[in-house]
Amino acid sequence: MSKPLSLPFDPIARADDLWKRRWGSVPSMAAITSIMRAQQILLAEVDAVVKPYGLTFARYEALVLLTFSKAGELPMSKIGERLMVHPTSVTNTVDRLVRSGLVDKRPNPNDGRGTLATITEKGREVVEAATRDLMAMDFGLGVYDAEECGEIFAMLRPLRIAASDFDED
């Protein structure tokens, strides 16, 4: 994958300047545009690292979540809840992991309508290898030190609370 040519100026700063001239100063416009661009950059970088394992970052997250569970399995509904994604997305993600031999699915004995997703031994091996690679590249955030990463996390937390991602308590 080739990198696009660098521009001789910051297009977000330029858009911010033009915005100010037309509609007045709205710092949130430059902030959201920067966040969205950062998300594109980070997703492309981490997806490139997990791609050799047949994964996307979304599939990697699902595998990691399964490794965090005591028995290596979770109900599909719990996966969606924890990853904060729509049930259709969970089904698509898990089905792809099943086709890759990284996850198995079976009826949930505690819920007649539910399904359990279980990480396989191959899935455990893949998630360990992919995690080593992602950690080696600091999940794409190597330009920041540990303190700055903590600041980013803390700065975005109120937005997540306001979106009802979780209870602040």
C-alpha atoms as a PDB file:
ATOM      1  CA  MET A   1       0.000   0.000   0.000  1.00  0.00           C
ATOM      2  CA  SER A   2       1.598   3.270  -1.073  1.00  0.00           C
ATOM      3  CA  LYS A   3       1.298   6.398   0.990  1.00  0.00           C
ATOM      4  CA  PRO A   4      -0.347   9.391  -0.652  1.00  0.00           C
ATOM      5  CA  LEU A   5       1.907  12.322  -1.429  1.00  0.00           C
ATOM      6  CA  SER A   6       2.222  14.774   1.415  1.00  0.00           C
ATOM      7  CA  LEU A   7       0.598  18.125   0.873  1.00  0.00           C
ATOM      8  CA  PRO A   8       2.717  21.256   1.312  1.00  0.00           C
ATOM      9  CA  PHE A   9       0.174  22.475   3.918  1.00  0.00           C
ATOM     10  CA  ASP A  10      -2.148  21.102   6.593  1.00  0.00           C
ATOM     11  CA  PRO A  11      -5.541  20.736   4.848  1.00  0.00           C
ATOM     12  CA  ILE A  12      -7.421  20.671   8.154  1.00  0.00           C
ATOM     13  CA  ALA A  13      -5.748  23.887   9.328  1.00  0.00           C
ATOM     14  CA  ARG A  14      -6.538  25.407   5.927  1.00  0.00           C
ATOM     15  CA  ALA A  15     -10.192  24.327   6.195  1.00  0.00           C
ATOM     16  CA  ASP A  16     -10.297  25.792   9.717  1.00  0.00           C
ATOM     17  CA  ASP A  17      -8.970  29.114   8.436  1.00  0.00           C
ATOM     18  CA  LEU A  18     -11.472  29.197   5.570  1.00  0.00           C
ATOM     19  CA  TRP A  19     -14.277  28.205   7.961  1.00  0.00           C
ATOM     20  CA  LYS A  20     -13.375  31.071  10.285  1.00  0.00           C
ATOM     21  CA  ARG A  21     -13.539  33.535   7.404  1.00  0.00           C
ATOM     22  CA  ARG A  22     -16.919  32.279   6.223  1.00  0.00           C
ATOM     23  CA  TRP A  23     -18.788  31.317   9.401  1.00  0.00           C
ATOM     24  CA  GLY A  24     -16.594  32.404  12.310  1.00  0.00           C
ATOM     25  CA  SER A  25     -14.420  30.435  14.687  1.00  0.00           C
ATOM     26  CA  VAL A  26     -15.717  26.938  15.468  1.00  0.00           C
ATOM     27  CA  PRO A  27     -12.831  24.976  17.045  1.00  0.00           C
ATOM     28  CA  SER A  28     -14.981  21.837  17.201  1.00  0.00           C
ATOM     29  CA  MET A  29     -14.975  21.625  13.376  1.00  0.00           C
ATOM     30  CA  ALA A  30     -11.179  21.353  13.226  1.00  0.00           C
ATOM     31  CA  ALA A  31     -11.188  18.987  16.204  1.00  0.00           C
ATOM     32  CA  ILE A  32     -13.706  16.544  14.731  1.00  0.00           C
ATOM     33  CA  THR A  33     -12.042  16.637  11.336  1.00  0.00           C
ATOM     34  CA  SER A  34      -8.700  15.831  13.009  1.00  0.00           C
ATOM     35  CA  ILE A  35     -10.257  12.989  15.023  1.00  0.00           C
ATOM     36  CA  MET A  36     -11.882  11.492  11.918  1.00  0.00           C
ATOM     37  CA  ARG A  37      -8.618  11.712   9.962  1.00  0.00           C
ATOM     38  CA  ALA A  38      -6.705  10.174  12.879  1.00  0.00           C
ATOM     39  CA  GLN A  39      -9.227   7.317  12.940  1.00  0.00           C
ATOM     40  CA  GLN A  40      -8.639   6.697   9.215  1.00  0.00           C
ATOM     41  CA  ILE A  41      -4.860   6.696   9.694  1.00  0.00           C
ATOM     42  CA  LEU A  42      -4.917   4.397  12.723  1.00  0.00           C
ATOM     43  CA  LEU A  43      -7.409   1.948  11.250  1.00  0.00           C
ATOM     44  CA  ALA A  44      -5.342   1.651   8.059  1.00  0.00           C
ATOM     45  CA  GLU A  45      -2.157   1.044  10.069  1.00  0.00           C
ATOM     46  CA  VAL A  46      -3.590  -1.570  12.431  1.00  0.00           C
ATOM     47  CA  ASP A  47      -5.531  -3.301   9.647  1.00  0.00           C
ATOM     48  CA  ALA A  48      -2.269  -3.598   7.680  1.00  0.00           C
ATOM     49  CA  VAL A  49      -0.646  -5.315  10.686  1.00  0.00           C
ATOM     50  CA  VAL A  50      -3.472  -7.819  11.265  1.00  0.00           C
ATOM     51  CA  LYS A  51      -4.196  -8.494   7.580  1.00  0.00           C
ATOM     52  CA  PRO A  52      -1.492 -11.201   7.256  1.00  0.00           C
ATOM     53  CA  TYR A  53      -3.423 -13.109   9.941  1.00  0.00           C
ATOM     54  CA  GLY A  54      -6.630 -12.931   7.896  1.00  0.00           C
ATOM     55  CA  LEU A  55      -8.053 -10.356  10.288  1.00  0.00           C
ATOM     56  CA  THR A  56      -9.427  -6.865  10.350  1.00  0.00           C
ATOM     57  CA  PHE A  57      -9.147  -4.821  13.528  1.00  0.00           C
ATOM     58  CA  ALA A  58     -12.837  -5.557  14.252  1.00  0.00           C
ATOM     59  CA  ARG A  59     -12.194  -9.316  14.048  1.00  0.00           C
ATOM     60  CA  TYR A  60      -9.073  -8.920  16.155  1.00  0.00           C
ATOM     61  CA  GLU A  61     -11.095  -7.094  18.835  1.00  0.00           C
ATOM     62  CA  ALA A  62     -13.635  -9.928  18.913  1.00  0.00           C
ATOM     63  CA  LEU A  63     -10.874 -12.514  19.352  1.00  0.00           C
ATOM     64  CA  VAL A  64      -9.266 -10.495  22.154  1.00  0.00           C
ATOM     65  CA  LEU A  65     -12.631 -10.176  23.884  1.00  0.00           C
ATOM     66  CA  LEU A  66     -13.063 -13.955  23.771  1.00  0.00           C
ATOM     67  CA  THR A  67      -9.606 -14.442  25.312  1.00  0.00           C
ATOM     68  CA  PHE A  68     -10.629 -12.142  28.179  1.00  0.00           C
ATOM     69  CA  SER A  69     -13.572 -14.405  29.091  1.00  0.00           C
ATOM     70  CA  LYS A  70     -12.966 -17.182  31.649  1.00  0.00           C
ATOM     71  CA  ALA A  71     -13.956 -20.038  29.347  1.00  0.00           C
ATOM     72  CA  GLY A  72     -12.928 -18.427  26.045  1.00  0.00           C
ATOM     73  CA  GLU A  73     -16.549 -18.081  25.006  1.00  0.00           C
ATOM     74  CA  LEU A  74     -19.289 -15.484  25.170  1.00  0.00           C
ATOM     75  CA  PRO A  75     -22.872 -15.137  23.987  1.00  0.00           C
ATOM     76  CA  MET A  76     -23.106 -13.256  20.699  1.00  0.00           C
ATOM     77  CA  SER A  77     -25.277 -10.623  22.412  1.00  0.00           C
ATOM     78  CA  LYS A  78     -22.548 -10.020  25.024  1.00  0.00           C
ATOM     79  CA  ILE A  79     -19.924  -9.613  22.292  1.00  0.00           C
ATOM     80  CA  GLY A  80     -22.023  -6.922  20.623  1.00  0.00           C
ATOM     81  CA  GLU A  81     -22.622  -5.192  23.932  1.00  0.00           C
ATOM     82  CA  ARG A  82     -18.941  -5.174  24.914  1.00  0.00           C
ATOM     83  CA  LEU A  83     -17.704  -4.124  21.467  1.00  0.00           C
ATOM     84  CA  MET A  84     -20.564  -1.593  21.197  1.00  0.00           C
ATOM     85  CA  VAL A  85     -21.631  -2.768  17.744  1.00  0.00           C
ATOM     86  CA  HIS A  86     -24.931  -3.754  16.133  1.00  0.00           C
ATOM     87  CA  PRO A  87     -25.930  -7.451  16.337  1.00  0.00           C
ATOM     88  CA  THR A  88     -25.657  -7.748  12.544  1.00  0.00           C
ATOM     89  CA  SER A  89     -22.026  -6.629  12.717  1.00  0.00           C
ATOM     90  CA  VAL A  90     -21.289  -9.194  15.431  1.00  0.00           C
ATOM     91  CA  THR A  91     -22.839 -11.972  13.359  1.00  0.00           C
ATOM     92  CA  ASN A  92     -20.803 -10.956  10.299  1.00  0.00           C
ATOM     93  CA  THR A  93     -17.573 -10.681  12.320  1.00  0.00           C
ATOM     94  CA  VAL A  94     -18.019 -13.991  14.133  1.00  0.00           C
ATOM     95  CA  ASP A  95     -19.116 -15.827  10.975  1.00  0.00           C
ATOM     96  CA  ARG A  96     -15.911 -14.725   9.247  1.00  0.00           C
ATOM     97  CA  LEU A  97     -13.882 -15.894  12.242  1.00  0.00           C
ATOM     98  CA  VAL A  98     -15.703 -19.245  12.096  1.00  0.00           C
ATOM     99  CA  ARG A  99     -14.879 -19.610   8.373  1.00  0.00           C
ATOM    100  CA  SER A 100     -11.222 -18.921   9.227  1.00  0.00           C
ATOM    101  CA  GLY A 101     -11.219 -21.622  11.914  1.00  0.00           C
ATOM    102  CA  LEU A 102     -10.523 -19.090  14.674  1.00  0.00           C
ATOM    103  CA  VAL A 103     -13.898 -19.344  16.412  1.00  0.00           C
ATOM    104  CA  ASP A 104     -16.603 -21.985  16.809  1.00  0.00           C
ATOM    105  CA  LYS A 105     -20.313 -21.311  17.333  1.00  0.00           C
ATOM    106  CA  ARG A 106     -22.793 -23.433  19.247  1.00  0.00           C
ATOM    107  CA  PRO A 107     -26.230 -23.013  20.839  1.00  0.00           C
ATOM    108  CA  ASN A 108     -26.137 -21.364  24.250  1.00  0.00           C
ATOM    109  CA  PRO A 109     -27.308 -23.998  26.778  1.00  0.00           C
ATOM    110  CA  ASN A 110     -28.434 -21.193  29.125  1.00  0.00           C
ATOM    111  CA  ASP A 111     -30.479 -19.373  26.471  1.00  0.00           C
ATOM    112  CA  GLY A 112     -32.518 -21.410  23.999  1.00  0.00           C
ATOM    113  CA  ARG A 113     -32.437 -18.651  21.392  1.00  0.00           C
ATOM    114  CA  GLY A 114     -28.832 -17.544  21.914  1.00  0.00           C
ATOM    115  CA  THR A 115     -25.532 -18.580  20.405  1.00  0.00           C
ATOM    116  CA  LEU A 116     -22.114 -18.870  22.024  1.00  0.00           C
ATOM    117  CA  ALA A 117     -18.911 -17.967  20.205  1.00  0.00           C
ATOM    118  CA  THR A 118     -15.828 -19.880  21.377  1.00  0.00           C
ATOM    119  CA  ILE A 119     -12.236 -19.104  20.447  1.00  0.00           C
ATOM    120  CA  THR A 120     -10.353 -22.098  19.002  1.00  0.00           C
ATOM    121  CA  GLU A 121      -6.748 -23.022  19.710  1.00  0.00           C
ATOM    122  CA  LYS A 122      -5.840 -21.632  16.278  1.00  0.00           C
ATOM    123  CA  GLY A 123      -7.682 -18.432  17.240  1.00  0.00           C
ATOM    124  CA  ARG A 124      -5.631 -18.164  20.431  1.00  0.00           C
ATOM    125  CA  GLU A 125      -2.382 -18.590  18.475  1.00  0.00           C
ATOM    126  CA  VAL A 126      -3.412 -15.960  15.909  1.00  0.00           C
ATOM    127  CA  VAL A 127      -4.503 -13.421  18.526  1.00  0.00           C
ATOM    128  CA  GLU A 128      -1.210 -13.838  20.418  1.00  0.00           C
ATOM    129  CA  ALA A 129       0.868 -13.298  17.263  1.00  0.00           C
ATOM    130  CA  ALA A 130      -1.231 -10.352  16.072  1.00  0.00           C
ATOM    131  CA  THR A 131      -1.066  -8.788  19.542  1.00  0.00           C
ATOM    132  CA  ARG A 132       2.737  -9.012  19.553  1.00  0.00           C
ATOM    133  CA  ASP A 133       2.828  -7.238  16.182  1.00  0.00           C
ATOM    134  CA  LEU A 134       0.348  -4.547  17.249  1.00  0.00           C
ATOM    135  CA  MET A 135       2.223  -3.909  20.484  1.00  0.00           C
ATOM    136  CA  ALA A 136       5.492  -3.655  18.548  1.00  0.00           C
ATOM    137  CA  MET A 137       4.026  -0.786  16.524  1.00  0.00           C
ATOM    138  CA  ASP A 138       2.317   0.774  19.582  1.00  0.00           C
ATOM    139  CA  PHE A 139      -1.087   0.291  17.939  1.00  0.00           C
ATOM    140  CA  GLY A 140      -0.138   3.094  15.536  1.00  0.00           C
ATOM    141  CA  LEU A 141       0.349   5.592  18.355  1.00  0.00           C
ATOM    142  CA  GLY A 142       4.145   5.470  18.544  1.00  0.00           C
ATOM    143  CA  VAL A 143       4.389   9.226  18.008  1.00  0.00           C
ATOM    144  CA  TYR A 144       2.968   9.647  21.535  1.00  0.00           C
ATOM    145  CA  ASP A 145       4.526   8.613  24.831  1.00  0.00           C
ATOM    146  CA  ALA A 146       2.625   6.753  27.563  1.00  0.00           C
ATOM    147  CA  GLU A 147       1.596   9.960  29.320  1.00  0.00           C
ATOM    148  CA  GLU A 148       0.221  11.470  26.115  1.00  0.00           C
ATOM    149  CA  CYS A 149      -1.714   8.259  25.373  1.00  0.00           C
ATOM    150  CA  GLY A 150      -3.223   8.547  28.847  1.00  0.00           C
ATOM    151  CA  GLU A 151      -4.163  12.162  28.124  1.00  0.00           C
ATOM    152  CA  ILE A 152      -5.855  11.170  24.852  1.00  0.00           C
ATOM    153  CA  PHE A 153      -7.826   8.483  26.670  1.00  0.00           C
ATOM    154  CA  ALA A 154      -8.836  10.925  29.424  1.00  0.00           C
ATOM    155  CA  MET A 155      -9.759  13.647  26.938  1.00  0.00           C
ATOM    156  CA  LEU A 156     -12.097  11.369  24.966  1.00  0.00           C
ATOM    157  CA  ARG A 157     -13.687   9.754  28.035  1.00  0.00           C
ATOM    158  CA  PRO A 158     -16.283  12.512  28.693  1.00  0.00           C
ATOM    159  CA  LEU A 159     -17.483  12.186  25.087  1.00  0.00           C
ATOM    160  CA  ARG A 160     -17.962   8.456  25.587  1.00  0.00           C
ATOM    161  CA  ILE A 161     -19.789   9.035  28.875  1.00  0.00           C
ATOM    162  CA  ALA A 162     -22.063  11.589  27.203  1.00  0.00           C
ATOM    163  CA  ALA A 163     -22.848   8.974  24.516  1.00  0.00           C
ATOM    164  CA  SER A 164     -23.874   6.547  27.301  1.00  0.00           C
ATOM    165  CA  ASP A 165     -21.100   4.084  26.484  1.00  0.00           C
ATOM    166  CA  PHE A 166     -20.977   3.320  30.217  1.00  0.00           C
ATOM    167  CA  ASP A 167     -21.987   4.708  33.598  1.00  0.00           C
ATOM    168  CA  GLU A 168     -19.421   7.091  35.011  1.00  0.00           C
ATOM    169  CA  ASP A 169     -19.667   5.494  38.450  1.00  0.00           C
END
